[in-house]
Amino acid sequence: MDDVEKRRVGDRGQVTLPKALREAFDISGGDEVAIHEESGKIVIEKPVTREDLAAGYRARAARLRDLNKEMKGVSQEADEQLGDIPEWD
C-alpha cells in the first residue's frame, strides 16, 4: 500500500474517506457503501447496483451474440472444407 492515509475514528465510529478515494470511486455524501470483513481486514466498497448488473448482463449477451456469429462462420467453413460427415456405424 503506497498511498496510505491514516484517519482517526470518531467517538461514534465514524471515519472520513479521503477525497481522492471518494473521487476515484465516485462516492458522494449520502451514497451507500458496503462494509465487511475479509481475511482479517475491514473492506469498504460501493455495492453493485441493479444498473451495474443490467449493464454487465447486456455486455455479456453482446459478447455471446458475437461468439455465436463467429462460430456459425467457422462451422460453415468447416462444412465447406470437410463436406458431409459420414454416418458412424
PDB file of N, CA and C in Angstrom:
ATOM      1  N   MET A   1       0.847  -1.183   0.000  1.00  0.00           N
ATOM      2  CA  MET A   1       0.000   0.000   0.000  1.00  0.00           C
ATOM      3  C   MET A   1       0.883   1.233   0.000  1.00  0.00           C
ATOM      4  N   ASP A   2       0.968   1.886  -1.143  1.00  0.00           N
ATOM      5  CA  ASP A   2       1.858   3.028  -1.289  1.00  0.00           C
ATOM      6  C   ASP A   2       1.278   4.316  -0.718  1.00  0.00           C
ATOM      7  N   ASP A   3       0.006   4.568  -0.981  1.00  0.00           N
ATOM      8  CA  ASP A   3      -0.609   5.840  -0.597  1.00  0.00           C
ATOM      9  C   ASP A   3      -1.511   5.664   0.618  1.00  0.00           C
ATOM     10  N   VAL A   4      -0.935   5.307   1.744  1.00  0.00           N
ATOM     11  CA  VAL A   4      -1.715   5.084   2.955  1.00  0.00           C
ATOM     12  C   VAL A   4      -1.967   6.413   3.649  1.00  0.00           C
ATOM     13  N   GLU A   5      -3.236   6.664   3.949  1.00  0.00           N
ATOM     14  CA  GLU A   5      -3.611   7.840   4.728  1.00  0.00           C
ATOM     15  C   GLU A   5      -4.212   7.337   6.029  1.00  0.00           C
ATOM     16  N   LYS A   6      -3.728   7.841   7.128  1.00  0.00           N
ATOM     17  CA  LYS A   6      -4.282   7.459   8.421  1.00  0.00           C
ATOM     18  C   LYS A   6      -5.409   8.421   8.769  1.00  0.00           C
ATOM     19  N   ARG A   7      -6.467   7.855   9.328  1.00  0.00           N
ATOM     20  CA  ARG A   7      -7.617   8.641   9.764  1.00  0.00           C
ATOM     21  C   ARG A   7      -7.968   8.243  11.184  1.00  0.00           C
ATOM     22  N   ARG A   8      -8.462   9.189  11.934  1.00  0.00           N
ATOM     23  CA  ARG A   8      -8.865   8.922  13.308  1.00  0.00           C
ATOM     24  C   ARG A   8     -10.346   8.548  13.321  1.00  0.00           C
ATOM     25  N   VAL A   9     -10.673   7.521  14.084  1.00  0.00           N
ATOM     26  CA  VAL A   9     -12.062   7.093  14.234  1.00  0.00           C
ATOM     27  C   VAL A   9     -12.695   7.954  15.320  1.00  0.00           C
ATOM     28  N   GLY A  10     -13.843   8.547  15.003  1.00  0.00           N
ATOM     29  CA  GLY A  10     -14.545   9.390  15.960  1.00  0.00           C
ATOM     30  C   GLY A  10     -15.212   8.566  17.047  1.00  0.00           C
ATOM     31  N   ASP A  11     -15.708   9.238  18.064  1.00  0.00           N
ATOM     32  CA  ASP A  11     -16.355   8.578  19.200  1.00  0.00           C
ATOM     33  C   ASP A  11     -17.541   7.712  18.772  1.00  0.00           C
ATOM     34  N   ARG A  12     -18.191   8.071  17.680  1.00  0.00           N
ATOM     35  CA  ARG A  12     -19.348   7.312  17.200  1.00  0.00           C
ATOM     36  C   ARG A  12     -18.945   6.288  16.141  1.00  0.00           C
ATOM     37  N   GLY A  13     -17.642   6.066  15.954  1.00  0.00           N
ATOM     38  CA  GLY A  13     -17.165   5.072  14.992  1.00  0.00           C
ATOM     39  C   GLY A  13     -17.091   5.574  13.570  1.00  0.00           C
ATOM     40  N   GLN A  14     -17.181   6.864  13.372  1.00  0.00           N
ATOM     41  CA  GLN A  14     -17.171   7.423  12.024  1.00  0.00           C
ATOM     42  C   GLN A  14     -15.749   7.701  11.551  1.00  0.00           C
ATOM     43  N   VAL A  15     -15.538   7.470  10.249  1.00  0.00           N
ATOM     44  CA  VAL A  15     -14.262   7.745   9.600  1.00  0.00           C
ATOM     45  C   VAL A  15     -14.566   8.476   8.296  1.00  0.00           C
ATOM     46  N   THR A  16     -13.801   9.502   7.993  1.00  0.00           N
ATOM     47  CA  THR A  16     -13.970  10.218   6.734  1.00  0.00           C
ATOM     48  C   THR A  16     -13.084   9.579   5.675  1.00  0.00           C
ATOM     49  N   LEU A  17     -13.692   9.213   4.539  1.00  0.00           N
ATOM     50  CA  LEU A  17     -12.911   8.661   3.437  1.00  0.00           C
ATOM     51  C   LEU A  17     -12.123   9.780   2.767  1.00  0.00           C
ATOM     52  N   PRO A  18     -10.866   9.542   2.426  1.00  0.00           N
ATOM     53  CA  PRO A  18     -10.074  10.577   1.754  1.00  0.00           C
ATOM     54  C   PRO A  18     -10.729  11.026   0.450  1.00  0.00           C
ATOM     55  N   LYS A  19     -10.615  12.313   0.156  1.00  0.00           N
ATOM     56  CA  LYS A  19     -11.232  12.900  -1.026  1.00  0.00           C
ATOM     57  C   LYS A  19     -10.790  12.194  -2.302  1.00  0.00           C
ATOM     58  N   ALA A  20      -9.507  11.870  -2.417  1.00  0.00           N
ATOM     59  CA  ALA A  20      -9.003  11.218  -3.630  1.00  0.00           C
ATOM     60  C   ALA A  20      -9.691   9.873  -3.859  1.00  0.00           C
ATOM     61  N   LEU A  21      -9.937   9.132  -2.780  1.00  0.00           N
ATOM     62  CA  LEU A  21     -10.626   7.843  -2.918  1.00  0.00           C
ATOM     63  C   LEU A  21     -12.096   8.039  -3.249  1.00  0.00           C
ATOM     64  N   ARG A  22     -12.739   9.025  -2.616  1.00  0.00           N
ATOM     65  CA  ARG A  22     -14.149   9.298  -2.939  1.00  0.00           C
ATOM     66  C   ARG A  22     -14.297   9.650  -4.406  1.00  0.00           C
ATOM     67  N   GLU A  23     -13.382  10.450  -4.917  1.00  0.00           N
ATOM     68  CA  GLU A  23     -13.445  10.830  -6.333  1.00  0.00           C
ATOM     69  C   GLU A  23     -13.135   9.647  -7.240  1.00  0.00           C
ATOM     70  N   ALA A  24     -12.119   8.867  -6.893  1.00  0.00           N
ATOM     71  CA  ALA A  24     -11.721   7.726  -7.724  1.00  0.00           C
ATOM     72  C   ALA A  24     -12.829   6.686  -7.822  1.00  0.00           C
ATOM     73  N   PHE A  25     -13.608   6.520  -6.735  1.00  0.00           N
ATOM     74  CA  PHE A  25     -14.657   5.501  -6.719  1.00  0.00           C
ATOM     75  C   PHE A  25     -16.053   6.106  -6.849  1.00  0.00           C
ATOM     76  N   ASP A  26     -16.111   7.393  -7.185  1.00  0.00           N
ATOM     77  CA  ASP A  26     -17.381   8.089  -7.411  1.00  0.00           C
ATOM     78  C   ASP A  26     -18.329   7.912  -6.217  1.00  0.00           C
ATOM     79  N   ILE A  27     -17.820   8.230  -5.043  1.00  0.00           N
ATOM     80  CA  ILE A  27     -18.613   8.155  -3.813  1.00  0.00           C
ATOM     81  C   ILE A  27     -18.867   9.577  -3.324  1.00  0.00           C
ATOM     82  N   SER A  28     -20.148   9.901  -3.145  1.00  0.00           N
ATOM     83  CA  SER A  28     -20.539  11.230  -2.676  1.00  0.00           C
ATOM     84  C   SER A  28     -21.281  11.110  -1.355  1.00  0.00           C
ATOM     85  N   GLY A  29     -21.431  12.231  -0.674  1.00  0.00           N
ATOM     86  CA  GLY A  29     -22.193  12.250   0.565  1.00  0.00           C
ATOM     87  C   GLY A  29     -23.590  11.698   0.349  1.00  0.00           C
ATOM     88  N   GLY A  30     -24.037  10.821   1.218  1.00  0.00           N
ATOM     89  CA  GLY A  30     -25.352  10.216   1.098  1.00  0.00           C
ATOM     90  C   GLY A  30     -25.350   8.886   0.354  1.00  0.00           C
ATOM     91  N   ASP A  31     -24.262   8.568  -0.358  1.00  0.00           N
ATOM     92  CA  ASP A  31     -24.170   7.277  -1.053  1.00  0.00           C
ATOM     93  C   ASP A  31     -24.032   6.146  -0.043  1.00  0.00           C
ATOM     94  N   GLU A  32     -24.516   4.978  -0.428  1.00  0.00           N
ATOM     95  CA  GLU A  32     -24.340   3.798   0.409  1.00  0.00           C
ATOM     96  C   GLU A  32     -23.030   3.112   0.055  1.00  0.00           C
ATOM     97  N   VAL A  33     -22.393   2.534   1.073  1.00  0.00           N
ATOM     98  CA  VAL A  33     -21.215   1.695   0.860  1.00  0.00           C
ATOM     99  C   VAL A  33     -21.439   0.392   1.616  1.00  0.00           C
ATOM    100  N   ALA A  34     -20.814  -0.662   1.117  1.00  0.00           N
ATOM    101  CA  ALA A  34     -20.880  -1.960   1.800  1.00  0.00           C
ATOM    102  C   ALA A  34     -19.623  -2.115   2.627  1.00  0.00           C
ATOM    103  N   ILE A  35     -19.771  -2.530   3.873  1.00  0.00           N
ATOM    104  CA  ILE A  35     -18.645  -2.703   4.782  1.00  0.00           C
ATOM    105  C   ILE A  35     -18.667  -4.136   5.289  1.00  0.00           C
ATOM    106  N   HIS A  36     -17.541  -4.827   5.134  1.00  0.00           N
ATOM    107  CA  HIS A  36     -17.470  -6.207   5.612  1.00  0.00           C
ATOM    108  C   HIS A  36     -16.030  -6.567   5.946  1.00  0.00           C
ATOM    109  N   GLU A  37     -15.875  -7.699   6.613  1.00  0.00           N
ATOM    110  CA  GLU A  37     -14.550  -8.204   6.980  1.00  0.00           C
ATOM    111  C   GLU A  37     -14.128  -9.226   5.940  1.00  0.00           C
ATOM    112  N   GLU A  38     -12.867  -9.147   5.548  1.00  0.00           N
ATOM    113  CA  GLU A  38     -12.328 -10.090   4.564  1.00  0.00           C
ATOM    114  C   GLU A  38     -10.875 -10.373   4.913  1.00  0.00           C
ATOM    115  N   SER A  39     -10.586 -11.604   5.264  1.00  0.00           N
ATOM    116  CA  SER A  39      -9.223 -12.026   5.610  1.00  0.00           C
ATOM    117  C   SER A  39      -8.607 -11.143   6.693  1.00  0.00           C
ATOM    118  N   GLY A  40      -9.395 -10.826   7.702  1.00  0.00           N
ATOM    119  CA  GLY A  40      -8.891 -10.047   8.819  1.00  0.00           C
ATOM    120  C   GLY A  40      -8.770  -8.555   8.547  1.00  0.00           C
ATOM    121  N   LYS A  41      -9.361  -8.074   7.445  1.00  0.00           N
ATOM    122  CA  LYS A  41      -9.309  -6.644   7.108  1.00  0.00           C
ATOM    123  C   LYS A  41     -10.716  -6.098   6.956  1.00  0.00           C
ATOM    124  N   ILE A  42     -10.869  -4.817   7.221  1.00  0.00           N
ATOM    125  CA  ILE A  42     -12.144  -4.146   7.007  1.00  0.00           C
ATOM    126  C   ILE A  42     -12.152  -3.655   5.565  1.00  0.00           C
ATOM    127  N   VAL A  43     -13.196  -4.033   4.820  1.00  0.00           N
ATOM    128  CA  VAL A  43     -13.311  -3.643   3.415  1.00  0.00           C
ATOM    129  C   VAL A  43     -14.517  -2.736   3.259  1.00  0.00           C
ATOM    130  N   ILE A  44     -14.303  -1.598   2.598  1.00  0.00           N
ATOM    131  CA  ILE A  44     -15.385  -0.661   2.283  1.00  0.00           C
ATOM    132  C   ILE A  44     -15.453  -0.582   0.768  1.00  0.00           C
ATOM    133  N   GLU A  45     -16.639  -0.853   0.199  1.00  0.00           N
ATOM    134  CA  GLU A  45     -16.768  -0.815  -1.257  1.00  0.00           C
ATOM    135  C   GLU A  45     -18.158  -0.353  -1.651  1.00  0.00           C
ATOM    136  N   LYS A  46     -18.247   0.140  -2.880  1.00  0.00           N
ATOM    137  CA  LYS A  46     -19.553   0.513  -3.401  1.00  0.00           C
ATOM    138  C   LYS A  46     -20.322  -0.759  -3.694  1.00  0.00           C
ATOM    139  N   PRO A  47     -21.577  -0.830  -3.270  1.00  0.00           N
ATOM    140  CA  PRO A  47     -22.361  -2.022  -3.598  1.00  0.00           C
ATOM    141  C   PRO A  47     -22.692  -2.055  -5.085  1.00  0.00           C
ATOM    142  N   VAL A  48     -22.923  -3.242  -5.611  1.00  0.00           N
ATOM    143  CA  VAL A  48     -23.305  -3.392  -7.013  1.00  0.00           C
ATOM    144  C   VAL A  48     -24.771  -2.992  -7.136  1.00  0.00           C
ATOM    145  N   THR A  49     -25.050  -2.109  -8.073  1.00  0.00           N
ATOM    146  CA  THR A  49     -26.429  -1.643  -8.270  1.00  0.00           C
ATOM    147  C   THR A  49     -27.122  -2.492  -9.330  1.00  0.00           C
ATOM    148  N   ARG A  50     -28.416  -2.375  -9.383  1.00  0.00           N
ATOM    149  CA  ARG A  50     -29.185  -3.077 -10.431  1.00  0.00           C
ATOM    150  C   ARG A  50     -28.747  -2.614 -11.805  1.00  0.00           C
ATOM    151  N   GLU A  51     -28.424  -1.328 -11.922  1.00  0.00           N
ATOM    152  CA  GLU A  51     -27.975  -0.793 -13.208  1.00  0.00           C
ATOM    153  C   GLU A  51     -26.634  -1.408 -13.608  1.00  0.00           C
ATOM    154  N   ASP A  52     -25.729  -1.576 -12.623  1.00  0.00           N
ATOM    155  CA  ASP A  52     -24.440  -2.223 -12.900  1.00  0.00           C
ATOM    156  C   ASP A  52     -24.649  -3.659 -13.384  1.00  0.00           C
ATOM    157  N   LEU A  53     -25.534  -4.382 -12.699  1.00  0.00           N
ATOM    158  CA  LEU A  53     -25.818  -5.762 -13.087  1.00  0.00           C
ATOM    159  C   LEU A  53     -26.417  -5.816 -14.486  1.00  0.00           C
ATOM    160  N   ALA A  54     -27.371  -4.940 -14.750  1.00  0.00           N
ATOM    161  CA  ALA A  54     -28.019  -4.929 -16.066  1.00  0.00           C
ATOM    162  C   ALA A  54     -26.998  -4.636 -17.163  1.00  0.00           C
ATOM    163  N   ALA A  55     -26.110  -3.677 -16.922  1.00  0.00           N
ATOM    164  CA  ALA A  55     -25.078  -3.351 -17.915  1.00  0.00           C
ATOM    165  C   ALA A  55     -24.150  -4.543 -18.137  1.00  0.00           C
ATOM    166  N   GLY A  56     -23.810  -5.245 -17.072  1.00  0.00           N
ATOM    167  CA  GLY A  56     -22.959  -6.421 -17.194  1.00  0.00           C
ATOM    168  C   GLY A  56     -23.636  -7.521 -17.999  1.00  0.00           C
ATOM    169  N   TYR A  57     -24.919  -7.740 -17.741  1.00  0.00           N
ATOM    170  CA  TYR A  57     -25.657  -8.753 -18.495  1.00  0.00           C
ATOM    171  C   TYR A  57     -25.785  -8.374 -19.968  1.00  0.00           C
ATOM    172  N   ARG A  58     -26.010  -7.081 -20.244  1.00  0.00           N
ATOM    173  CA  ARG A  58     -26.093  -6.644 -21.646  1.00  0.00           C
ATOM    174  C   ARG A  58     -24.765  -6.854 -22.367  1.00  0.00           C
ATOM    175  N   ALA A  59     -23.668  -6.531 -21.690  1.00  0.00           N
ATOM    176  CA  ALA A  59     -22.335  -6.716 -22.296  1.00  0.00           C
ATOM    177  C   ALA A  59     -22.065  -8.195 -22.540  1.00  0.00           C
ATOM    178  N   ARG A  60     -22.442  -9.039 -21.591  1.00  0.00           N
ATOM    179  CA  ARG A  60     -22.243 -10.492 -21.767  1.00  0.00           C
ATOM    180  C   ARG A  60     -23.081 -11.014 -22.930  1.00  0.00           C
ATOM    181  N   ALA A  61     -24.320 -10.565 -23.026  1.00  0.00           N
ATOM    182  CA  ALA A  61     -25.194 -11.001 -24.126  1.00  0.00           C
ATOM    183  C   ALA A  61     -24.603 -10.583 -25.471  1.00  0.00           C
ATOM    184  N   ALA A  62     -24.053  -9.371 -25.539  1.00  0.00           N
ATOM    185  CA  ALA A  62     -23.443  -8.911 -26.789  1.00  0.00           C
ATOM    186  C   ALA A  62     -22.235  -9.775 -27.147  1.00  0.00           C
ATOM    187  N   ARG A  63     -21.403 -10.125 -26.155  1.00  0.00           N
ATOM    188  CA  ARG A  63     -20.241 -10.986 -26.423  1.00  0.00           C
ATOM    189  C   ARG A  63     -20.680 -12.365 -26.893  1.00  0.00           C
ATOM    190  N   LEU A  64     -21.746 -12.892 -26.291  1.00  0.00           N
ATOM    191  CA  LEU A  64     -22.252 -14.206 -26.699  1.00  0.00           C
ATOM    192  C   LEU A  64     -22.825 -14.172 -28.111  1.00  0.00           C
ATOM    193  N   ARG A  65     -23.505 -13.069 -28.478  1.00  0.00           N
ATOM    194  CA  ARG A  65     -24.009 -12.935 -29.853  1.00  0.00           C
ATOM    195  C   ARG A  65     -22.851 -12.906 -30.845  1.00  0.00           C
ATOM    196  N   ASP A  66     -21.807 -12.154 -30.513  1.00  0.00           N
ATOM    197  CA  ASP A  66     -20.630 -12.085 -31.387  1.00  0.00           C
ATOM    198  C   ASP A  66     -19.967 -13.452 -31.518  1.00  0.00           C
ATOM    199  N   LEU A  67     -19.848 -14.172 -30.420  1.00  0.00           N
ATOM    200  CA  LEU A  67     -19.246 -15.502 -30.447  1.00  0.00           C
ATOM    201  C   LEU A  67     -20.091 -16.461 -31.277  1.00  0.00           C
ATOM    202  N   ASN A  68     -21.411 -16.364 -31.135  1.00  0.00           N
ATOM    203  CA  ASN A  68     -22.311 -17.210 -31.903  1.00  0.00           C
ATOM    204  C   ASN A  68     -22.139 -16.970 -33.402  1.00  0.00           C
ATOM    205  N   LYS A  69     -22.046 -15.699 -33.800  1.00  0.00           N
ATOM    206  CA  LYS A  69     -21.830 -15.377 -35.220  1.00  0.00           C
ATOM    207  C   LYS A  69     -20.504 -15.947 -35.705  1.00  0.00           C
ATOM    208  N   GLU A  70     -19.457 -15.795 -34.896  1.00  0.00           N
ATOM    209  CA  GLU A  70     -18.140 -16.299 -35.270  1.00  0.00           C
ATOM    210  C   GLU A  70     -18.160 -17.820 -35.407  1.00  0.00           C
ATOM    211  N   MET A  71     -18.780 -18.495 -34.475  1.00  0.00           N
ATOM    212  CA  MET A  71     -18.825 -19.958 -34.516  1.00  0.00           C
ATOM    213  C   MET A  71     -19.660 -20.456 -35.690  1.00  0.00           C
ATOM    214  N   LYS A  72     -20.715 -19.738 -36.045  1.00  0.00           N
ATOM    215  CA  LYS A  72     -21.530 -20.120 -37.199  1.00  0.00           C
ATOM    216  C   LYS A  72     -20.687 -20.047 -38.461  1.00  0.00           C
ATOM    217  N   GLY A  73     -19.882 -18.990 -38.581  1.00  0.00           N
ATOM    218  CA  GLY A  73     -18.992 -18.851 -39.734  1.00  0.00           C
ATOM    219  C   GLY A  73     -17.944 -19.948 -39.765  1.00  0.00           C
ATOM    220  N   VAL A  74     -17.390 -20.281 -38.629  1.00  0.00           N
ATOM    221  CA  VAL A  74     -16.376 -21.342 -38.554  1.00  0.00           C
ATOM    222  C   VAL A  74     -16.999 -22.680 -38.934  1.00  0.00           C
ATOM    223  N   SER A  75     -18.217 -22.913 -38.466  1.00  0.00           N
ATOM    224  CA  SER A  75     -18.906 -24.164 -38.766  1.00  0.00           C
ATOM    225  C   SER A  75     -19.183 -24.283 -40.265  1.00  0.00           C
ATOM    226  N   GLN A  76     -19.609 -23.194 -40.889  1.00  0.00           N
ATOM    227  CA  GLN A  76     -19.862 -23.204 -42.330  1.00  0.00           C
ATOM    228  C   GLN A  76     -18.567 -23.449 -43.103  1.00  0.00           C
ATOM    229  N   GLU A  77     -17.490 -22.819 -42.657  1.00  0.00           N
ATOM    230  CA  GLU A  77     -16.191 -23.012 -43.304  1.00  0.00           C
ATOM    231  C   GLU A  77     -15.745 -24.471 -43.181  1.00  0.00           C
ATOM    232  N   ALA A  78     -15.943 -25.057 -42.030  1.00  0.00           N
ATOM    233  CA  ALA A  78     -15.575 -26.457 -41.834  1.00  0.00           C
ATOM    234  C   ALA A  78     -16.393 -27.361 -42.742  1.00  0.00           C
ATOM    235  N   ASP A  79     -17.693 -27.082 -42.862  1.00  0.00           N
ATOM    236  CA  ASP A  79     -18.549 -27.870 -43.754  1.00  0.00           C
ATOM    237  C   ASP A  79     -18.055 -27.782 -45.197  1.00  0.00           C
ATOM    238  N   GLU A  80     -17.656 -26.594 -45.617  1.00  0.00           N
ATOM    239  CA  GLU A  80     -17.161 -26.411 -46.990  1.00  0.00           C
ATOM    240  C   GLU A  80     -15.865 -27.181 -47.224  1.00  0.00           C
ATOM    241  N   GLN A  81     -15.004 -27.193 -46.227  1.00  0.00           N
ATOM    242  CA  GLN A  81     -13.707 -27.855 -46.365  1.00  0.00           C
ATOM    243  C   GLN A  81     -13.809 -29.369 -46.207  1.00  0.00           C
ATOM    244  N   LEU A  82     -14.652 -29.829 -45.295  1.00  0.00           N
ATOM    245  CA  LEU A  82     -14.709 -31.249 -44.972  1.00  0.00           C
ATOM    246  C   LEU A  82     -15.862 -31.984 -45.651  1.00  0.00           C
ATOM    247  N   GLY A  83     -16.857 -31.270 -46.083  1.00  0.00           N
ATOM    248  CA  GLY A  83     -18.017 -31.931 -46.661  1.00  0.00           C
ATOM    249  C   GLY A  83     -18.890 -32.513 -45.577  1.00  0.00           C
ATOM    250  N   ASP A  84     -19.808 -33.383 -46.001  1.00  0.00           N
ATOM    251  CA  ASP A  84     -20.718 -34.003 -45.046  1.00  0.00           C
ATOM    252  C   ASP A  84     -19.939 -34.982 -44.168  1.00  0.00           C
ATOM    253  N   ILE A  85     -20.399 -35.117 -42.953  1.00  0.00           N
ATOM    254  CA  ILE A  85     -19.790 -36.062 -42.031  1.00  0.00           C
ATOM    255  C   ILE A  85     -20.385 -37.449 -42.318  1.00  0.00           C
ATOM    256  N   PRO A  86     -19.565 -38.471 -42.484  1.00  0.00           N
ATOM    257  CA  PRO A  86     -20.100 -39.800 -42.772  1.00  0.00           C
ATOM    258  C   PRO A  86     -20.858 -40.361 -41.573  1.00  0.00           C
ATOM    259  N   GLU A  87     -21.777 -41.240 -41.846  1.00  0.00           N
ATOM    260  CA  GLU A  87     -22.515 -41.911 -40.788  1.00  0.00           C
ATOM    261  C   GLU A  87     -21.590 -42.861 -40.070  1.00  0.00           C
ATOM    262  N   TRP A  88     -21.657 -42.914 -38.776  1.00  0.00           N
ATOM    263  CA  TRP A  88     -20.854 -43.841 -37.989  1.00  0.00           C
ATOM    264  C   TRP A  88     -21.694 -45.049 -37.627  1.00  0.00           C
ATOM    265  N   ASP A  89     -21.173 -46.202 -37.852  1.00  0.00           N
ATOM    266  CA  ASP A  89     -21.901 -47.428 -37.545  1.00  0.00           C
ATOM    267  C   ASP A  89     -21.510 -47.958 -36.193  1.00  0.00           C
TER     268      ASP A  89
END
